Amino acid sequence: MRNRIYNAIDDDELLELSDKVEEEIAPIFKEIDSICESNSVKVIEAFQKCNLQTQHFYSSTGYGIDEPGRNKIEEIYANIFQAEDALVRTQFISGTHALSVTLSALLRNNDTMISLTGAPYDTLQTIIGCGKEQSKSSLKSYGIKYEQIELKENDFDIDTIKQRLQQKDVKLVEIQRSRGYALRKSLTIEKIEKVIRAIREVNQEVIIMVDNCYGEFVEDREPIEVGADIIVGSLMKNLGAGIATSGAYIVGKKELIELCAERLTAPGIGKEIGPSLNQNTSLLKGLFFAPRVVASSVRTAVYASRLLEKLGYKVDPLYNEKRTDIVQTISLGTAEGLVKFCQGIQQGSPIDSNVLPEPGDMGGYEDQIIMAAGTFTEGSTIELSCDGPLREPYIAYMQGGLTYEYGKYGILKASKRLKRKEG
């Protein structure tokens, strides 16, 4: 009896190739599952050590003064990341919002921040004031100075970094773990550990901040464990597991977290207020499922990498390369190819599958963007999604997959659309 997918895809040649790809990548799936198991133990031990109880599911409204459930979630996050403290709030609209709050909290007039990974993600450039799109509310407009040190062959330029940080005028350095819309590779925890050690050889005071978006639970260690002072991420990505419907987190040193809390709420109030608005169960359940959902996303990315490579496209990472985030890129070569692939992902989505996304302007981005995301939560990139700027070399940035089976289905839909040049 033929699997139902043969009827759904109706392309024997593509499905035969898919079967061969799955045989080839099976050993890599075992490695992914091993990391998933390690991170699952990390999560459940944190739940147990922090004594999570039924009462912590109860929610608050209004001020949410010193709410036990919210406080318990932050205690659990701090434990998982081996940090002193955490700020986990649904009041964060996105990872970009949490990054903006963090930088605004830690930097003052005449302070200098340096990106150690070259130009940051498009929306962060607007926050900093280092991109073409200028805002009157950027860090630059408040007198904060910005510099960047380019990567060298997909790795940190440690000699340049050490030389610059011997001068003690730098308040904060920022590391973007994932590639964003850049052509570079994402950065492994091993590489981040190496650069942090180098920084501490010459400068003990500078704040080391890591943008951890898309990276959580892909490896079995996180940046705090290798010396970062503070890290930031979104709950509509890895740690929300498609269950959390909003929010972001900041974890790190207690004094830095308090500054961030005061920027989010008000000076003198900090973490004390913030209603959970019936989100505690979703945040906890999302975190509980996150190791497996992240593993499904990584499996989906590995499958896509090998299948699209076999179909003749340039992909990064390659299917057998070490991964540190859930992002997979496919170079389509033309604007038409990028649009068609994203449209195919949309056709394979559970929601709005009849919609054909088209490129458009989007706040914080210099180029037109096409985004495919038939997701249960708007903007949830842990669910199968694909996007990219309409600029050469027309790269699709694909991420997510709540289950491998759904991810595989979406990729086959997109591949068929490319293969048959459908309109």
Protein backbone atom coordinates (compact mmCIF):
# COMPACT_ATOMS: atom_id res chain seq x y z
CA MET A 1 0.00 0.00 0.00
CA ARG A 2 1.40 3.40 -0.96
CA ASN A 3 1.92 6.02 1.67
CA ARG A 4 -0.60 8.87 1.41
CA ILE A 5 2.26 11.28 0.63
CA TYR A 6 2.55 9.76 -2.87
CA ASN A 7 -0.94 10.97 -3.65
CA ALA A 8 -0.38 14.33 -2.00
CA ILE A 9 2.86 15.10 -3.87
CA ASP A 10 2.14 13.14 -7.08
CA ASP A 11 5.74 13.11 -8.31
CA ASP A 12 7.31 9.66 -8.23
CA GLU A 13 10.74 10.89 -9.27
CA LEU A 14 10.86 13.46 -6.44
CA LEU A 15 9.60 10.96 -3.87
CA GLU A 16 12.14 8.32 -4.92
CA LEU A 17 14.85 10.92 -4.44
CA SER A 18 13.34 11.76 -1.05
CA ASP A 19 13.52 8.11 0.04
CA LYS A 20 17.21 7.93 -0.93
CA VAL A 21 17.92 11.16 0.96
CA GLU A 22 16.27 9.84 4.12
CA GLU A 23 18.38 6.69 4.01
CA GLU A 24 21.51 8.81 3.65
CA ILE A 25 20.73 11.18 6.52
CA ALA A 26 19.52 8.54 9.03
CA PRO A 27 22.85 8.48 10.97
CA ILE A 28 22.70 12.27 11.38
CA PHE A 29 19.20 11.98 12.83
CA LYS A 30 20.64 9.74 15.56
CA GLU A 31 23.11 12.47 16.52
CA ILE A 32 20.30 15.04 16.61
CA ASP A 33 18.24 12.78 18.86
CA SER A 34 21.18 12.38 21.24
CA ILE A 35 21.40 16.16 21.69
CA CYS A 36 17.62 16.26 22.13
CA GLU A 37 17.82 13.70 24.90
CA SER A 38 20.54 15.66 26.71
CA ASN A 39 18.57 18.90 26.53
CA SER A 40 15.36 17.16 27.58
CA VAL A 41 17.07 15.97 30.75
CA LYS A 42 18.33 19.52 31.32
CA VAL A 43 14.77 20.84 31.14
CA ILE A 44 13.05 18.24 33.31
CA GLU A 45 15.77 18.43 35.96
CA ALA A 46 15.27 22.22 36.09
CA PHE A 47 11.51 21.74 36.53
CA GLN A 48 12.18 19.31 39.38
CA LYS A 49 15.00 21.25 41.05
CA CYS A 50 12.94 24.45 41.01
CA ASN A 51 9.96 22.54 42.45
CA LEU A 52 7.43 23.44 39.77
CA GLN A 53 3.90 22.92 41.11
CA THR A 54 0.34 23.15 39.85
CA GLN A 55 -0.10 26.48 41.62
CA HIS A 56 2.48 28.02 39.28
CA PHE A 57 0.08 27.62 36.34
CA TYR A 58 -2.24 30.22 37.89
CA SER A 59 -2.15 33.59 36.25
CA SER A 60 -2.34 37.26 37.17
CA THR A 61 -3.75 40.42 35.61
CA GLY A 62 -3.24 44.09 36.25
CA TYR A 63 0.10 44.80 37.89
CA GLY A 64 0.95 41.14 38.46
CA ILE A 65 2.88 42.12 41.58
CA ASP A 66 5.45 39.46 42.53
CA GLU A 67 3.45 36.73 40.80
CA PRO A 68 4.62 33.22 41.87
CA GLY A 69 4.11 31.53 38.48
CA ARG A 70 6.01 34.17 36.53
CA ASN A 71 8.79 34.13 39.10
CA LYS A 72 9.02 30.34 38.91
CA ILE A 73 9.35 30.42 35.12
CA GLU A 74 12.23 32.86 35.43
CA GLU A 75 13.87 30.68 38.07
CA ILE A 76 13.60 27.68 35.72
CA TYR A 77 15.10 29.61 32.80
CA ALA A 78 18.02 30.76 34.95
CA ASN A 79 18.62 27.14 36.01
CA ILE A 80 18.53 25.75 32.46
CA PHE A 81 20.93 28.39 31.15
CA GLN A 82 23.14 28.29 34.28
CA ALA A 83 22.60 32.01 34.73
CA GLU A 84 22.20 34.15 37.84
CA ASP A 85 18.81 35.51 36.83
CA ALA A 86 16.26 35.67 34.00
CA LEU A 87 13.59 37.95 32.61
CA VAL A 88 10.92 35.96 30.73
CA ARG A 89 7.91 38.04 29.77
CA THR A 90 5.03 37.96 27.34
CA GLN A 91 5.29 41.75 27.32
CA PHE A 92 8.24 41.33 24.97
CA ILE A 93 6.69 41.50 21.50
CA SER A 94 9.60 39.77 19.75
CA GLY A 95 13.26 38.91 19.96
CA THR A 96 14.02 42.26 18.33
CA HIS A 97 12.10 44.00 21.12
CA ALA A 98 14.05 42.11 23.79
CA LEU A 99 17.35 42.98 22.08
CA SER A 100 16.34 46.63 21.95
CA VAL A 101 15.43 46.63 25.63
CA THR A 102 18.72 44.96 26.53
CA LEU A 103 20.93 47.35 24.59
CA SER A 104 18.98 50.39 25.79
CA ALA A 105 19.26 49.18 29.38
CA LEU A 106 23.00 48.51 29.34
CA LEU A 107 24.30 51.42 27.26
CA ARG A 108 24.44 55.11 28.10
CA ASN A 109 25.37 58.33 26.31
CA ASN A 110 28.97 58.20 25.02
CA ASP A 111 29.26 54.42 25.61
CA THR A 112 30.68 52.30 22.79
CA MET A 113 29.32 48.95 21.63
CA ILE A 114 31.04 46.70 19.12
CA SER A 115 29.51 43.94 17.02
CA LEU A 116 32.06 41.14 16.77
CA THR A 117 30.16 39.44 13.95
CA GLY A 118 30.09 42.20 11.35
CA ALA A 119 26.85 43.91 10.41
CA PRO A 120 23.98 42.74 12.62
CA TYR A 121 20.54 41.60 11.49
CA ASP A 122 18.57 44.19 9.51
CA THR A 123 16.15 45.18 12.28
CA LEU A 124 18.98 45.50 14.81
CA GLN A 125 20.79 47.86 12.46
CA THR A 126 17.80 50.20 12.71
CA ILE A 127 17.82 49.94 16.51
CA ILE A 128 21.51 50.77 16.65
CA GLY A 129 21.39 53.42 13.93
CA CYS A 130 24.07 51.85 11.75
CA GLY A 131 21.95 51.00 8.72
CA LYS A 132 20.54 52.99 5.83
CA GLU A 133 17.17 53.31 7.54
CA GLN A 134 17.54 55.87 10.33
CA SER A 135 15.27 56.28 13.36
CA LYS A 136 15.05 59.20 15.75
CA SER A 137 14.84 56.61 18.53
CA SER A 138 18.02 54.68 17.62
CA LEU A 139 20.88 54.16 20.06
CA LYS A 140 22.96 56.47 17.89
CA SER A 141 20.45 59.27 18.41
CA TYR A 142 21.04 58.96 22.15
CA GLY A 143 24.78 59.37 21.79
CA ILE A 144 25.79 55.70 21.84
CA LYS A 145 28.76 54.87 19.62
CA TYR A 146 28.91 51.81 17.39
CA GLU A 147 31.72 49.86 15.76
CA GLN A 148 31.90 46.46 14.11
CA ILE A 149 34.65 43.94 13.50
CA GLU A 150 34.16 41.71 10.49
CA LEU A 151 34.38 37.95 10.68
CA LYS A 152 37.44 36.36 9.10
CA GLU A 153 36.73 33.22 7.08
CA ASN A 154 33.52 32.52 9.02
CA ASP A 155 35.25 32.88 12.36
CA PHE A 156 36.05 35.64 14.82
CA ASP A 157 39.00 37.90 14.02
CA ILE A 158 40.50 37.30 17.44
CA ASP A 159 43.70 39.32 16.92
CA THR A 160 41.75 42.44 15.93
CA ILE A 161 39.24 41.91 18.75
CA LYS A 162 41.98 41.57 21.39
CA GLN A 163 43.83 44.60 20.09
CA ARG A 164 40.68 46.76 20.17
CA LEU A 165 39.53 45.57 23.60
CA GLN A 166 42.85 46.32 25.24
CA GLN A 167 41.46 49.86 25.19
CA LYS A 168 38.97 50.08 28.05
CA ASP A 169 36.50 52.47 26.41
CA VAL A 170 34.16 49.72 25.11
CA LYS A 171 31.11 49.06 27.30
CA LEU A 172 29.56 46.10 25.45
CA VAL A 173 30.35 43.63 22.70
CA GLU A 174 27.59 41.86 20.82
CA ILE A 175 27.76 38.44 19.18
CA GLN A 176 25.03 37.31 16.79
CA ARG A 177 25.01 33.53 16.90
CA SER A 178 22.79 33.00 13.85
CA ARG A 179 23.59 34.35 10.41
CA GLY A 180 20.52 36.56 9.99
CA TYR A 181 20.32 37.57 6.33
CA ALA A 182 24.11 37.50 5.96
CA LEU A 183 25.98 35.05 3.74
CA ARG A 184 28.23 33.89 6.58
CA LYS A 185 27.82 30.70 8.56
CA SER A 186 26.22 30.67 11.99
CA LEU A 187 28.63 30.44 14.92
CA THR A 188 29.04 27.34 17.04
CA ILE A 189 29.26 27.40 20.82
CA GLU A 190 32.84 26.19 20.47
CA LYS A 191 33.77 29.30 18.46
CA ILE A 192 31.89 31.58 20.88
CA GLU A 193 33.74 29.99 23.81
CA LYS A 194 37.07 30.59 22.10
CA VAL A 195 36.43 34.30 21.47
CA ILE A 196 35.11 34.86 25.01
CA ARG A 197 38.29 33.37 26.46
CA ALA A 198 40.34 35.67 24.23
CA ILE A 199 38.31 38.71 25.33
CA ARG A 200 38.79 37.93 29.00
CA GLU A 201 42.55 37.71 28.52
CA VAL A 202 42.62 41.45 27.77
CA ASN A 203 39.41 42.86 29.24
CA GLN A 204 37.51 41.70 32.32
CA GLU A 205 34.95 44.50 32.43
CA VAL A 206 33.34 44.60 28.99
CA ILE A 207 29.81 43.15 28.85
CA ILE A 208 29.58 40.17 26.48
CA MET A 209 26.09 39.87 25.03
CA VAL A 210 24.92 37.11 22.68
CA ASP A 211 21.90 37.27 20.40
CA ASN A 212 20.86 33.65 20.85
CA CYS A 213 17.86 33.64 18.48
CA TYR A 214 17.40 30.38 16.52
CA GLY A 215 20.18 28.66 18.49
CA GLU A 216 18.64 27.35 21.70
CA PHE A 217 18.86 23.57 22.21
CA VAL A 218 20.52 22.94 18.84
CA GLU A 219 23.72 22.14 20.72
CA ASP A 220 24.01 20.76 24.24
CA ARG A 221 25.53 23.97 25.66
CA GLU A 222 24.39 27.60 25.65
CA PRO A 223 26.48 30.82 25.58
CA ILE A 224 26.17 31.56 29.32
CA GLU A 225 27.90 28.24 30.00
CA VAL A 226 30.97 29.39 28.06
CA GLY A 227 31.27 32.82 29.65
CA ALA A 228 28.71 35.18 28.08
CA ASP A 229 27.31 37.76 30.52
CA ILE A 230 23.85 38.06 29.01
CA ILE A 231 21.91 36.38 26.18
CA VAL A 232 18.63 37.18 24.48
CA GLY A 233 16.10 35.16 22.49
CA SER A 234 12.50 34.93 21.33
CA LEU A 235 9.78 32.57 22.55
CA MET A 236 8.28 32.56 19.05
CA LYS A 237 11.38 30.67 18.03
CA ASN A 238 13.02 27.64 19.63
CA LEU A 239 12.02 27.80 23.29
CA GLY A 240 8.34 28.47 22.63
CA ALA A 241 8.07 25.23 20.64
CA GLY A 242 5.07 26.61 18.73
CA ILE A 243 3.06 26.60 21.97
CA ALA A 244 4.02 29.96 23.48
CA THR A 245 2.07 32.62 21.62
CA SER A 246 4.24 35.61 22.53
CA GLY A 247 7.26 36.68 24.54
CA ALA A 248 11.02 36.61 24.76
CA TYR A 249 13.69 36.02 27.37
CA ILE A 250 16.85 37.62 28.69
CA VAL A 251 19.14 35.59 30.97
CA GLY A 252 22.48 36.44 32.55
CA LYS A 253 24.10 38.26 35.45
CA LYS A 254 21.66 39.46 38.09
CA GLU A 255 22.70 43.12 37.99
CA LEU A 256 22.31 43.21 34.20
CA ILE A 257 18.91 41.52 34.29
CA GLU A 258 17.70 44.10 36.82
CA LEU A 259 18.73 46.92 34.49
CA CYS A 260 16.82 45.24 31.66
CA ALA A 261 13.77 44.79 33.88
CA GLU A 262 13.81 48.48 34.79
CA ARG A 263 13.98 49.39 31.12
CA LEU A 264 11.03 47.11 30.35
CA THR A 265 8.86 48.34 33.25
CA ALA A 266 10.13 51.35 35.22
CA PRO A 267 13.12 52.36 37.40
CA GLY A 268 12.65 51.18 40.96
CA ILE A 269 10.03 48.60 39.92
CA GLY A 270 11.98 46.22 37.68
CA LYS A 271 10.94 42.56 37.85
CA GLU A 272 8.34 43.10 40.56
CA ILE A 273 5.45 43.73 38.17
CA GLY A 274 4.24 42.17 34.92
CA PRO A 275 1.04 40.12 34.65
CA SER A 276 1.29 36.71 33.01
CA LEU A 277 -2.19 37.04 31.45
CA ASN A 278 -2.94 33.31 31.35
CA GLN A 279 0.33 32.48 29.58
CA ASN A 280 2.17 30.53 32.29
CA THR A 281 1.01 27.10 31.14
CA SER A 282 1.84 27.88 27.51
CA LEU A 283 5.33 29.13 28.39
CA LEU A 284 6.07 26.11 30.57
CA LYS A 285 4.62 23.58 28.15
CA GLY A 286 6.50 25.21 25.28
CA LEU A 287 9.76 24.98 27.19
CA PHE A 288 9.00 21.35 28.07
CA PHE A 289 8.51 20.37 24.42
CA ALA A 290 11.27 22.63 23.09
CA PRO A 291 14.11 20.06 22.91
CA ARG A 292 12.03 17.72 20.73
CA VAL A 293 10.57 20.51 18.55
CA VAL A 294 14.04 21.96 18.00
CA ALA A 295 15.27 18.48 17.06
CA SER A 296 12.40 18.19 14.56
CA SER A 297 13.38 21.55 13.09
CA VAL A 298 17.01 20.49 12.75
CA ARG A 299 15.93 17.21 11.15
CA THR A 300 13.79 19.19 8.70
CA ALA A 301 16.74 21.44 7.86
CA VAL A 302 19.06 18.48 7.27
CA TYR A 303 16.49 16.85 4.99
CA ALA A 304 15.95 20.08 3.05
CA SER A 305 19.69 20.61 2.70
CA ARG A 306 20.32 17.23 1.14
CA LEU A 307 17.20 17.13 -1.03
CA LEU A 308 17.71 20.63 -2.48
CA GLU A 309 21.42 19.93 -3.00
CA LYS A 310 20.47 16.82 -4.97
CA LEU A 311 18.12 18.97 -7.04
CA GLY A 312 21.05 21.18 -8.00
CA TYR A 313 20.80 24.11 -5.59
CA LYS A 314 23.56 25.57 -3.42
CA VAL A 315 22.70 25.04 0.24
CA ASP A 316 24.24 26.06 3.55
CA PRO A 317 24.89 24.32 5.85
CA LEU A 318 25.48 21.12 3.94
CA TYR A 319 23.47 18.23 5.31
CA ASN A 320 26.45 16.71 7.16
CA GLU A 321 27.89 19.91 8.62
CA LYS A 322 27.72 20.74 12.32
CA ARG A 323 24.72 22.92 13.14
CA THR A 324 24.29 25.61 15.76
CA ASP A 325 20.87 26.99 14.75
CA ILE A 326 17.72 25.92 12.93
CA VAL A 327 18.29 28.06 9.83
CA GLN A 328 18.83 26.48 6.42
CA THR A 329 19.65 28.55 3.36
CA ILE A 330 18.95 27.69 -0.26
CA SER A 331 20.42 29.85 -3.01
CA LEU A 332 17.74 30.11 -5.69
CA GLY A 333 19.68 32.35 -8.07
CA THR A 334 16.76 34.48 -9.21
CA ALA A 335 13.98 36.54 -7.66
CA GLU A 336 11.48 34.24 -9.40
CA GLY A 337 13.06 31.16 -7.83
CA LEU A 338 13.02 32.70 -4.34
CA VAL A 339 9.38 33.67 -4.67
CA LYS A 340 8.36 30.24 -6.01
CA PHE A 341 10.13 28.37 -3.22
CA CYS A 342 8.51 30.51 -0.52
CA GLN A 343 5.13 30.09 -2.20
CA GLY A 344 5.66 26.32 -2.17
CA ILE A 345 6.37 26.38 1.57
CA GLN A 346 3.14 28.34 2.05
CA GLN A 347 1.22 25.73 0.04
CA GLY A 348 2.56 23.07 2.40
CA SER A 349 1.40 24.96 5.49
CA PRO A 350 -1.58 24.02 7.69
CA ILE A 351 -2.99 27.57 7.66
CA ASP A 352 -3.56 29.89 4.69
CA SER A 353 -2.25 27.22 2.31
CA ASN A 354 -4.32 28.80 -0.47
CA VAL A 355 -2.43 32.08 -0.17
CA LEU A 356 0.47 32.94 -2.48
CA PRO A 357 2.83 35.32 -0.65
CA GLU A 358 4.35 38.16 -2.64
CA PRO A 359 7.35 40.39 -1.85
CA GLY A 360 6.61 43.61 0.00
CA ASP A 361 8.05 46.39 2.13
CA MET A 362 8.50 45.64 5.82
CA GLY A 363 9.51 47.89 8.71
CA GLY A 364 13.18 47.61 9.67
CA TYR A 365 14.27 46.09 6.35
CA GLU A 366 15.99 47.90 3.48
CA ASP A 367 14.90 45.47 0.73
CA GLN A 368 11.53 44.02 -0.08
CA ILE A 369 10.94 40.79 1.82
CA ILE A 370 8.98 37.69 0.93
CA MET A 371 7.73 35.63 3.85
CA ALA A 372 5.95 32.29 3.88
CA ALA A 373 4.52 31.23 7.21
CA GLY A 374 1.21 29.46 7.52
CA THR A 375 1.66 29.37 11.29
CA PHE A 376 -0.61 29.01 14.30
CA THR A 377 1.15 31.97 15.92
CA GLU A 378 1.87 34.97 13.72
CA GLY A 379 5.61 35.30 13.18
CA SER A 380 6.44 31.97 14.80
CA THR A 381 9.62 30.85 13.05
CA ILE A 382 9.89 27.57 14.95
CA GLU A 383 6.93 26.53 12.82
CA LEU A 384 7.93 25.82 9.23
CA SER A 385 8.58 29.17 7.59
CA CYS A 386 10.73 30.62 4.86
CA ASP A 387 11.68 34.17 4.00
CA GLY A 388 14.31 36.24 2.33
CA PRO A 389 15.16 39.68 0.97
CA LEU A 390 14.79 40.26 -2.75
CA ARG A 391 18.46 40.93 -3.37
CA GLU A 392 21.21 38.91 -4.97
CA PRO A 393 22.01 36.05 -4.69
CA TYR A 394 18.31 35.49 -3.82
CA ILE A 395 18.64 33.23 -0.82
CA ALA A 396 15.73 31.56 0.94
CA TYR A 397 16.15 31.38 4.72
CA MET A 398 14.13 28.42 5.89
CA GLN A 399 13.60 27.45 9.51
CA GLY A 400 11.32 25.47 11.76
CA GLY A 401 9.17 22.38 11.59
CA LEU A 402 7.09 21.46 14.64
CA THR A 403 7.33 17.86 13.51
CA TYR A 404 9.66 16.36 10.94
CA GLU A 405 6.74 14.86 9.02
CA TYR A 406 5.05 18.24 8.52
CA GLY A 407 8.39 19.82 7.66
CA LYS A 408 9.13 17.17 5.07
CA TYR A 409 5.72 17.66 3.48
CA GLY A 410 6.26 21.42 3.15
CA ILE A 411 9.70 20.99 1.61
CA LEU A 412 8.38 18.50 -0.92
CA LYS A 413 5.64 20.93 -1.88
CA ALA A 414 8.20 23.70 -2.37
CA SER A 415 10.60 21.43 -4.26
CA LYS A 416 7.86 20.27 -6.59
CA ARG A 417 6.94 23.87 -7.31
CA LEU A 418 10.56 24.65 -8.23
CA LYS A 419 11.03 21.43 -10.19
CA ARG A 420 7.94 21.83 -12.34
CA LYS A 421 8.21 25.62 -12.69
CA GLU A 422 4.58 26.00 -11.70
CA GLY A 423 2.99 29.44 -11.77
